[in-house]
N, C-alpha and C. Protein backbone atom coordinates (compact mmCIF):
# COMPACT_ATOMS: atom_id res chain seq x y z
N UNK A 1 56.12 -10.27 5.52
CA UNK A 1 55.62 -11.00 4.75
C UNK A 1 56.73 -12.18 4.71
N UNK A 2 57.71 -11.38 4.42
CA UNK A 2 58.85 -12.16 3.75
C UNK A 2 59.71 -13.36 5.04
N UNK A 3 59.15 -12.68 6.34
CA UNK A 3 59.65 -13.29 7.44
C UNK A 3 58.90 -14.89 7.35
N UNK A 4 57.34 -14.75 7.38
CA UNK A 4 56.31 -15.57 7.17
C UNK A 4 56.45 -16.84 6.48
N UNK A 5 56.76 -16.44 5.10
CA UNK A 5 57.09 -16.67 4.30
C UNK A 5 58.60 -17.56 4.36
N UNK A 6 59.29 -17.21 4.90
CA UNK A 6 60.75 -17.61 4.99
C UNK A 6 60.46 -18.74 6.25
N UNK A 7 59.61 -18.65 7.13
CA UNK A 7 59.20 -19.95 8.16
C UNK A 7 58.62 -20.85 7.65
N UNK A 8 57.29 -20.63 6.84
CA UNK A 8 56.39 -21.54 6.20
C UNK A 8 57.13 -22.53 5.23
N UNK A 9 57.76 -22.25 4.59
CA UNK A 9 58.54 -22.76 3.14
C UNK A 9 60.07 -22.88 3.26
N UNK A 10 60.60 -22.71 4.81
CA UNK A 10 62.05 -22.66 5.02
C UNK A 10 62.99 -22.51 4.05
N UNK A 11 62.88 -21.04 3.54
CA UNK A 11 63.78 -20.44 2.50
C UNK A 11 64.91 -20.46 2.97
N UNK A 12 66.08 -20.79 2.35
CA UNK A 12 67.53 -20.39 2.59
C UNK A 12 67.89 -19.01 2.54
N UNK A 13 69.09 -18.49 2.69
CA UNK A 13 69.38 -17.35 2.80
C UNK A 13 69.30 -16.65 1.30
N UNK A 14 69.51 -17.44 0.31
CA UNK A 14 69.80 -16.95 -1.32
C UNK A 14 68.05 -16.30 -1.27
N UNK A 15 67.28 -17.56 -1.02
CA UNK A 15 65.84 -17.00 -1.31
C UNK A 15 65.53 -16.24 -0.56
N UNK A 16 65.87 -15.74 0.66
CA UNK A 16 64.86 -14.71 1.63
C UNK A 16 65.04 -13.68 0.98
N UNK A 17 66.49 -13.14 0.82
CA UNK A 17 67.13 -11.80 0.32
C UNK A 17 66.07 -11.72 -0.93
N UNK A 18 66.37 -12.77 -2.38
CA UNK A 18 65.20 -12.93 -3.49
C UNK A 18 63.85 -12.27 -3.16
N UNK A 19 63.01 -12.77 -1.57
CA UNK A 19 61.77 -12.82 -1.53
C UNK A 19 61.55 -11.46 -1.15
N UNK A 20 62.65 -10.67 -0.44
CA UNK A 20 62.38 -9.51 0.29
C UNK A 20 62.41 -8.72 -1.26
N UNK A 21 63.01 -8.72 -1.77
CA UNK A 21 63.14 -7.87 -3.25
C UNK A 21 62.34 -7.91 -4.07
N UNK A 22 61.29 -9.06 -4.29
CA UNK A 22 60.03 -9.38 -4.82
C UNK A 22 59.23 -8.89 -4.33
N UNK A 23 59.03 -8.85 -2.42
CA UNK A 23 58.00 -8.14 -1.61
C UNK A 23 58.09 -6.80 -1.70
N UNK A 24 59.17 -6.06 -1.81
CA UNK A 24 59.71 -4.78 -1.91
C UNK A 24 59.18 -4.26 -3.31
N UNK A 25 59.29 -5.05 -4.32
CA UNK A 25 58.92 -4.29 -5.46
C UNK A 25 57.23 -4.16 -6.04
N UNK A 26 56.41 -5.72 -5.27
CA UNK A 26 55.15 -5.53 -5.29
C UNK A 26 54.60 -4.61 -4.31
N UNK A 27 55.11 -4.31 -3.17
CA UNK A 27 54.74 -3.15 -2.48
C UNK A 27 54.81 -1.83 -3.33
N UNK A 28 55.78 -1.24 -3.43
CA UNK A 28 55.70 -0.05 -4.72
C UNK A 28 54.81 -0.03 -5.71
N UNK A 29 54.37 -1.40 -6.46
CA UNK A 29 53.18 -1.57 -7.30
C UNK A 29 52.37 -1.02 -6.69
N UNK A 30 52.09 -2.09 -5.63
CA UNK A 30 50.20 -2.17 -5.41
C UNK A 30 50.38 -0.12 -4.79
N UNK A 31 51.25 0.34 -4.31
CA UNK A 31 51.30 1.65 -3.83
C UNK A 31 50.37 3.00 -4.77
N UNK A 32 51.25 2.01 -6.26
CA UNK A 32 51.28 2.70 -7.18
C UNK A 32 49.91 3.15 -7.97
N UNK A 33 49.46 2.12 -7.88
CA UNK A 33 47.80 1.55 -8.29
C UNK A 33 47.06 2.22 -6.99
N UNK A 34 47.53 2.66 -6.27
CA UNK A 34 46.22 3.28 -5.17
C UNK A 34 45.40 4.43 -5.84
N UNK A 35 46.09 5.25 -6.59
CA UNK A 35 45.23 6.31 -6.97
C UNK A 35 44.00 5.80 -7.68
N UNK A 36 44.13 4.51 -8.65
CA UNK A 36 43.23 4.26 -9.44
C UNK A 36 41.95 4.02 -8.88
N UNK A 37 42.32 3.38 -7.52
CA UNK A 37 40.81 2.64 -6.65
C UNK A 37 39.80 3.71 -6.22
N UNK A 38 40.12 4.72 -6.41
CA UNK A 38 38.84 5.63 -5.68
C UNK A 38 38.19 6.04 -7.40
N UNK A 39 38.79 6.09 -8.72
CA UNK A 39 38.23 7.04 -9.66
C UNK A 39 38.25 5.77 -10.46
N UNK A 40 38.44 4.67 -10.77
CA UNK A 40 38.05 3.41 -11.64
C UNK A 40 38.39 1.98 -10.80
N UNK A 41 37.00 1.62 -10.27
CA UNK A 41 37.19 0.32 -9.25
C UNK A 41 37.80 -1.24 -10.14
N UNK A 42 37.06 -0.87 -11.17
CA UNK A 42 37.46 -2.12 -12.22
C UNK A 42 38.91 -2.42 -12.76
N UNK A 43 39.14 -1.28 -13.35
CA UNK A 43 40.66 -0.82 -13.66
C UNK A 43 41.27 -1.16 -12.74
N UNK A 44 40.99 -0.98 -11.41
CA UNK A 44 42.08 -0.92 -10.05
C UNK A 44 42.05 -2.43 -9.83
N UNK A 45 40.83 -3.26 -10.23
CA UNK A 45 40.92 -5.00 -9.56
C UNK A 45 41.52 -5.45 -10.55
N UNK A 46 41.33 -5.19 -11.95
CA UNK A 46 42.25 -5.82 -13.36
C UNK A 46 43.91 -5.74 -12.63
N UNK A 47 44.23 -4.27 -12.62
CA UNK A 47 45.54 -4.08 -11.96
C UNK A 47 45.95 -4.48 -10.73
N UNK A 48 45.29 -4.86 -9.73
CA UNK A 48 45.77 -5.60 -8.64
C UNK A 48 45.65 -7.03 -8.42
N UNK A 49 44.41 -7.48 -9.36
CA UNK A 49 44.45 -8.99 -9.59
C UNK A 49 46.37 -9.44 -10.60
N UNK A 50 46.43 -8.11 -11.31
CA UNK A 50 47.39 -8.71 -12.81
C UNK A 50 48.74 -8.71 -11.65
N UNK A 51 48.89 -7.81 -10.58
CA UNK A 51 50.37 -7.62 -9.47
C UNK A 51 50.15 -8.78 -8.73
N UNK A 52 48.76 -9.15 -8.28
CA UNK A 52 49.11 -10.73 -7.87
C UNK A 52 49.55 -11.55 -8.28
N UNK A 53 49.13 -11.85 -9.64
CA UNK A 53 49.47 -12.87 -10.49
C UNK A 53 50.83 -12.94 -10.52
N UNK A 54 51.72 -11.88 -10.89
CA UNK A 54 52.94 -11.52 -11.32
C UNK A 54 53.92 -11.96 -9.77
N UNK A 55 53.19 -11.41 -8.84
CA UNK A 55 54.13 -11.74 -7.38
C UNK A 55 54.13 -12.99 -7.21
N UNK A 56 52.92 -13.55 -7.05
CA UNK A 56 53.03 -15.32 -6.79
C UNK A 56 54.15 -15.93 -8.24
N UNK A 57 54.05 -15.42 -9.36
CA UNK A 57 54.95 -16.38 -10.33
C UNK A 57 56.72 -16.23 -10.01
N UNK A 58 56.68 -14.77 -9.58
CA UNK A 58 58.22 -14.31 -9.50
C UNK A 58 58.46 -15.33 -8.08
N UNK A 59 57.36 -15.25 -7.17
CA UNK A 59 57.70 -16.03 -5.93
C UNK A 59 57.98 -17.61 -6.17
N UNK A 60 57.14 -18.22 -7.26
CA UNK A 60 57.11 -19.39 -7.52
C UNK A 60 58.81 -19.66 -8.19
N UNK A 61 59.11 -18.75 -9.27
CA UNK A 61 60.57 -18.97 -9.43
C UNK A 61 61.67 -18.93 -8.88
N UNK A 62 61.27 -18.74 -7.52
CA UNK A 62 62.42 -18.88 -6.73
C UNK A 62 62.48 -19.68 -5.45
N UNK A 63 61.35 -20.62 -5.64
CA UNK A 63 61.11 -21.92 -5.19
C UNK A 63 61.72 -23.43 -4.96
N UNK A 64 61.80 -24.00 -4.48
CA UNK A 64 62.10 -25.61 -4.96
C UNK A 64 60.88 -25.98 -5.37
N UNK A 65 60.92 -27.68 -5.74
CA UNK A 65 59.63 -28.14 -6.13
C UNK A 65 58.84 -28.53 -4.78
N UNK A 66 59.38 -28.81 -3.76
CA UNK A 66 58.47 -29.24 -2.52
C UNK A 66 58.09 -27.39 -1.91
N UNK A 67 58.89 -26.57 -2.09
CA UNK A 67 58.66 -25.35 -1.39
C UNK A 67 57.33 -24.63 -2.25
N UNK A 68 57.50 -25.18 -3.74
CA UNK A 68 56.11 -24.01 -4.63
C UNK A 68 54.78 -25.49 -4.20
N UNK A 69 54.71 -26.53 -4.12
CA UNK A 69 53.75 -27.35 -3.71
C UNK A 69 53.23 -26.84 -2.76
N UNK A 70 53.90 -26.27 -1.52
CA UNK A 70 53.39 -25.71 -0.15
C UNK A 70 52.73 -24.57 -0.15
N UNK A 71 53.72 -23.68 -1.23
CA UNK A 71 53.02 -22.29 -1.79
C UNK A 71 52.27 -22.17 -2.11
N UNK A 72 51.83 -23.16 -3.14
CA UNK A 72 50.91 -23.13 -4.11
C UNK A 72 49.28 -23.50 -3.16
N UNK A 73 49.51 -24.40 -2.07
CA UNK A 73 48.59 -24.58 -1.57
C UNK A 73 48.10 -23.34 -0.45
N UNK A 74 49.12 -22.74 0.18
CA UNK A 74 49.22 -21.55 1.27
C UNK A 74 47.77 -20.95 0.32
N UNK A 75 48.30 -20.54 -1.20
CA UNK A 75 47.69 -19.22 -2.35
C UNK A 75 46.42 -19.88 -2.24
N UNK A 76 46.16 -21.06 -2.48
CA UNK A 76 44.71 -21.96 -3.02
C UNK A 76 43.77 -21.41 -1.54
N UNK A 77 44.28 -22.00 -0.21
CA UNK A 77 43.75 -22.08 1.07
C UNK A 77 43.59 -20.31 1.34
N UNK A 78 44.40 -19.53 1.34
CA UNK A 78 43.94 -18.06 1.21
C UNK A 78 43.09 -17.83 0.41
N UNK A 79 42.94 -17.97 -1.03
CA UNK A 79 41.73 -17.56 -1.89
C UNK A 79 40.54 -18.38 -1.27
N UNK A 80 40.54 -19.21 -0.94
CA UNK A 80 38.85 -20.10 -0.17
C UNK A 80 38.38 -19.05 0.84
N UNK A 81 39.40 -18.57 1.69
CA UNK A 81 38.98 -18.32 2.77
C UNK A 81 38.44 -16.23 2.47
N UNK A 82 38.99 -15.90 1.40
CA UNK A 82 38.47 -14.82 1.17
C UNK A 82 37.53 -14.91 0.29
N UNK A 83 37.24 -15.96 -0.30
CA UNK A 83 35.75 -16.58 -1.23
C UNK A 83 34.94 -16.18 0.23
N UNK A 84 34.57 -17.18 0.91
CA UNK A 84 34.07 -17.49 2.37
C UNK A 84 33.62 -16.27 2.87
N UNK A 85 34.82 -15.12 3.00
CA UNK A 85 34.78 -14.12 3.76
C UNK A 85 33.72 -12.91 2.94
N UNK A 86 34.02 -13.03 1.34
CA UNK A 86 33.31 -12.37 0.62
C UNK A 86 31.63 -12.61 0.89
N UNK A 87 31.79 -13.93 0.73
CA UNK A 87 30.22 -14.37 0.21
C UNK A 87 29.38 -14.16 1.89
N UNK A 88 29.97 -13.93 3.23
CA UNK A 88 29.55 -14.02 4.23
C UNK A 88 28.76 -12.34 4.48
N UNK A 89 29.89 -11.27 3.87
CA UNK A 89 29.80 -9.84 3.42
C UNK A 89 28.87 -9.66 2.64
N UNK A 90 28.50 -10.80 1.82
CA UNK A 90 27.63 -9.81 0.51
C UNK A 90 25.89 -10.49 0.98
N UNK A 91 26.11 -11.57 1.64
CA UNK A 91 24.94 -12.32 2.20
C UNK A 91 24.97 -12.81 3.52
N UNK A 92 24.90 -11.69 4.09
CA UNK A 92 24.64 -11.79 5.95
C UNK A 92 23.83 -12.81 6.64
N UNK A 93 24.20 -13.47 7.16
CA UNK A 93 23.14 -14.53 7.84
C UNK A 93 21.95 -13.82 8.68
N UNK A 94 21.03 -13.87 8.63
CA UNK A 94 19.69 -13.22 8.99
C UNK A 94 19.45 -13.82 10.49
N UNK A 95 19.43 -12.77 11.61
CA UNK A 95 19.51 -13.33 12.76
C UNK A 95 17.97 -13.64 13.05
N UNK A 96 17.90 -14.45 14.15
CA UNK A 96 16.06 -14.83 15.01
C UNK A 96 16.17 -14.18 15.75
N UNK A 97 14.98 -13.69 15.84
CA UNK A 97 14.25 -12.87 16.43
C UNK A 97 13.73 -13.23 17.94
């Protein structure tokens, strides 16, 4: 993920180092909440959402103004794609016979 963001946002070396640390911490936190997923899906979803918001906030803090604009657009686009995918899974297209 750090390499992808490095290319998309044209990060400098200091930003890459910070981004790597942010991604490592997010990955550790994500692994910590995995046991909750099987026992309490609603609580898990809240924890996951909180983790995503926190990670996005920390990423935005290390970006300059132009990089922040590009990053927010990337996040917005990904969220839209996920909503479309969820709807397709929830309401699959009926096939004609």
